[in-house]
Amino acid sequence: MTATTGDAPGQPYAASVALRWSDMDAYAHINNVQFLRLLEDARVIAFRDWFDQDRSLLDEGVLVSRHEIEYRRPLGFRAAPVRVEMWVSRIGGAGFDVAYVVRDPDGVGDAVYAVAETELALYDFASARPRRMRPEERASLAVHLGDRAPLRRRR
């Protein structure tokens, strides 16, 4: 799995995420539930880059509180990874949202397979309570801030 950051301001961050044979279902395409794993894998790659050596966000805790996903077309198993473009779509006091577009990687095609958004809540596992966002976390996220996910329901 690899990652690239957009060359120009406003370009989404992109992670290449490999498909697994076990992601495929009886219909010979990637199962809808496995798309959430693809998003999670892409988030882990992105957070490693977005927060650099400051691992506090991941070490202290961040929990998924909501997913919204639209499946645009079936994704068959293949050796080429998918490209997960992502950006921060909302920054709040104790959480943030990440938007995604799952598509073919450069040179493979131009298909969009899914559009999604995940709401994440900051959490302190030591105290078992939600926590407020720190200024340095907000600054790291603000670099990747963009529009809401282009979900059809919102148009």
Protein backbone atom coordinates (compact mmCIF):
# COMPACT_ATOMS: atom_id res chain seq x y z
CA MET A 1 0.00 0.00 0.00
CA THR A 2 1.34 3.39 -0.97
CA ALA A 3 0.26 6.98 -0.76
CA THR A 4 0.66 10.22 -2.65
CA THR A 5 -0.39 13.72 -1.76
CA GLY A 6 -1.97 15.92 -4.40
CA ASP A 7 0.57 18.15 -6.15
CA ALA A 8 -1.57 21.27 -6.04
CA PRO A 9 -3.48 22.79 -3.11
CA GLY A 10 -6.96 21.34 -2.94
CA GLN A 11 -5.95 18.03 -4.50
CA PRO A 12 -7.08 14.99 -2.51
CA TYR A 13 -4.64 12.72 -0.75
CA ALA A 14 -4.49 9.33 -2.49
CA ALA A 15 -3.71 5.89 -1.09
CA SER A 16 -3.27 2.74 -3.17
CA VAL A 17 -4.95 -0.16 -1.41
CA ALA A 18 -4.50 -3.75 -2.55
CA LEU A 19 -7.51 -6.02 -2.97
CA ARG A 20 -7.50 -9.43 -1.29
CA TRP A 21 -8.86 -12.62 -2.82
CA SER A 22 -10.96 -13.05 0.32
CA ASP A 23 -12.65 -9.67 -0.36
CA MET A 24 -14.56 -11.27 -3.22
CA ASP A 25 -18.05 -12.63 -2.70
CA ALA A 26 -20.13 -15.28 -4.48
CA TYR A 27 -20.97 -12.80 -7.24
CA ALA A 28 -17.24 -12.49 -8.13
CA HIS A 29 -16.94 -8.88 -7.04
CA ILE A 30 -15.64 -7.14 -3.93
CA ASN A 31 -18.24 -7.50 -1.19
CA ASN A 32 -19.91 -4.30 -0.01
CA VAL A 33 -18.68 -4.83 3.57
CA GLN A 34 -15.08 -5.07 2.36
CA PHE A 35 -15.29 -1.52 1.04
CA LEU A 36 -15.26 -0.36 4.65
CA ARG A 37 -11.98 -2.24 5.14
CA LEU A 38 -10.57 -0.51 2.05
CA LEU A 39 -11.53 2.86 3.57
CA GLU A 40 -9.98 1.90 6.91
CA ASP A 41 -6.73 0.80 5.25
CA ALA A 42 -6.60 4.10 3.35
CA ARG A 43 -7.26 6.10 6.56
CA VAL A 44 -4.41 4.36 8.39
CA ILE A 45 -2.04 5.20 5.52
CA ALA A 46 -3.26 8.82 5.42
CA PHE A 47 -3.08 9.39 9.17
CA ARG A 48 0.51 8.18 9.20
CA ASP A 49 1.32 10.98 6.73
CA TRP A 50 -1.10 13.63 7.96
CA PHE A 51 0.03 13.45 11.58
CA ASP A 52 3.70 12.67 10.81
CA GLN A 53 5.49 11.51 13.96
CA ASP A 54 2.73 12.74 16.29
CA ARG A 55 0.94 9.46 16.93
CA SER A 56 -1.28 10.86 19.71
CA LEU A 57 -4.43 10.78 17.59
CA LEU A 58 -4.05 7.07 16.88
CA ASP A 59 -2.50 6.16 20.24
CA GLU A 60 -5.10 7.95 22.37
CA GLY A 61 -8.00 6.97 20.22
CA VAL A 62 -10.22 7.83 17.35
CA LEU A 63 -13.48 5.95 16.84
CA VAL A 64 -15.73 5.62 13.83
CA SER A 65 -19.14 6.98 14.73
CA ARG A 66 -20.80 6.92 11.29
CA HIS A 67 -20.24 5.71 7.72
CA GLU A 68 -22.17 6.75 4.66
CA ILE A 69 -21.34 5.00 1.40
CA GLU A 70 -22.73 4.90 -2.11
CA TYR A 71 -21.73 2.01 -4.33
CA ARG A 72 -21.42 3.28 -7.88
CA ARG A 73 -20.41 0.09 -9.74
CA PRO A 74 -19.23 -3.46 -8.99
CA LEU A 75 -15.50 -3.90 -8.42
CA GLY A 76 -14.15 -7.22 -9.57
CA PHE A 77 -11.06 -8.77 -8.02
CA ARG A 78 -7.81 -7.88 -9.79
CA ALA A 79 -4.10 -7.58 -9.07
CA ALA A 80 -4.05 -3.78 -9.47
CA PRO A 81 -4.88 -1.87 -6.29
CA VAL A 82 -7.67 0.66 -6.02
CA ARG A 83 -6.95 4.33 -5.57
CA VAL A 84 -8.69 5.82 -2.56
CA GLU A 85 -8.76 9.60 -2.80
CA MET A 86 -9.52 11.23 0.52
CA TRP A 87 -9.73 14.56 2.29
CA VAL A 88 -11.11 16.06 5.48
CA SER A 89 -14.66 17.26 4.90
CA ARG A 90 -15.50 18.64 8.35
CA ILE A 91 -13.55 19.60 11.46
CA GLY A 92 -15.45 19.86 14.75
CA GLY A 93 -14.55 20.35 18.38
CA ALA A 94 -14.17 16.65 19.20
CA GLY A 95 -14.13 14.96 15.82
CA PHE A 96 -13.91 15.25 12.07
CA ASP A 97 -15.18 13.70 8.86
CA VAL A 98 -13.18 12.13 6.06
CA ALA A 99 -14.53 11.95 2.49
CA TYR A 100 -13.45 9.33 -0.05
CA VAL A 101 -13.70 8.40 -3.71
CA VAL A 102 -12.70 4.81 -4.53
CA ARG A 103 -11.55 4.57 -8.14
CA ASP A 104 -9.22 2.89 -10.57
CA PRO A 105 -5.57 3.80 -10.18
CA ASP A 106 -3.82 5.88 -12.83
CA GLY A 107 -3.28 3.89 -15.99
CA VAL A 108 -5.96 1.26 -15.24
CA GLY A 109 -9.18 3.11 -16.03
CA ASP A 110 -11.43 5.91 -14.88
CA ALA A 111 -14.17 4.03 -13.04
CA VAL A 112 -15.53 5.27 -9.70
CA TYR A 113 -16.62 2.34 -7.52
CA ALA A 114 -17.75 4.11 -4.37
CA VAL A 115 -18.11 7.50 -2.72
CA ALA A 116 -18.15 7.63 1.06
CA GLU A 117 -17.79 9.71 4.19
CA THR A 118 -16.77 8.64 7.68
CA GLU A 119 -17.42 10.56 10.88
CA LEU A 120 -14.66 10.08 13.46
CA ALA A 121 -14.80 10.95 17.15
CA LEU A 122 -11.71 11.64 19.24
CA TYR A 123 -11.58 9.38 22.26
CA ASP A 124 -9.34 9.00 25.29
CA PHE A 125 -9.06 5.28 25.99
CA ALA A 126 -7.34 5.89 29.34
CA SER A 127 -10.34 7.77 30.73
CA ALA A 128 -12.91 6.02 28.48
CA ARG A 129 -14.32 9.40 27.43
CA PRO A 130 -14.52 11.55 24.33
CA ARG A 131 -11.95 14.33 24.18
CA ARG A 132 -11.53 17.73 22.55
CA MET A 133 -9.32 18.28 19.53
CA ARG A 134 -5.94 19.86 20.23
CA PRO A 135 -4.72 22.85 18.16
CA GLU A 136 -1.90 20.84 16.51
CA GLU A 137 -4.39 18.14 15.44
CA ARG A 138 -6.72 20.78 14.02
CA ALA A 139 -3.80 22.31 12.09
CA SER A 140 -2.79 18.93 10.64
CA LEU A 141 -6.36 18.27 9.50
CA ALA A 142 -6.92 21.77 8.12
CA VAL A 143 -4.23 21.17 5.47
CA HIS A 144 -6.49 18.48 3.97
CA LEU A 145 -9.83 20.30 4.34
CA GLY A 146 -12.16 20.22 1.33
CA ASP A 147 -15.80 19.88 0.38
CA ARG A 148 -18.24 17.28 1.62
CA ALA A 149 -18.20 13.91 -0.14
CA PRO A 150 -20.01 14.12 -3.50
CA LEU A 151 -22.80 11.77 -2.46
CA ARG A 152 -25.75 11.75 -4.87
CA ARG A 153 -28.26 12.17 -2.05
CA ARG A 154 -26.80 15.62 -1.31
CA ARG A 155 -27.11 16.98 -4.83
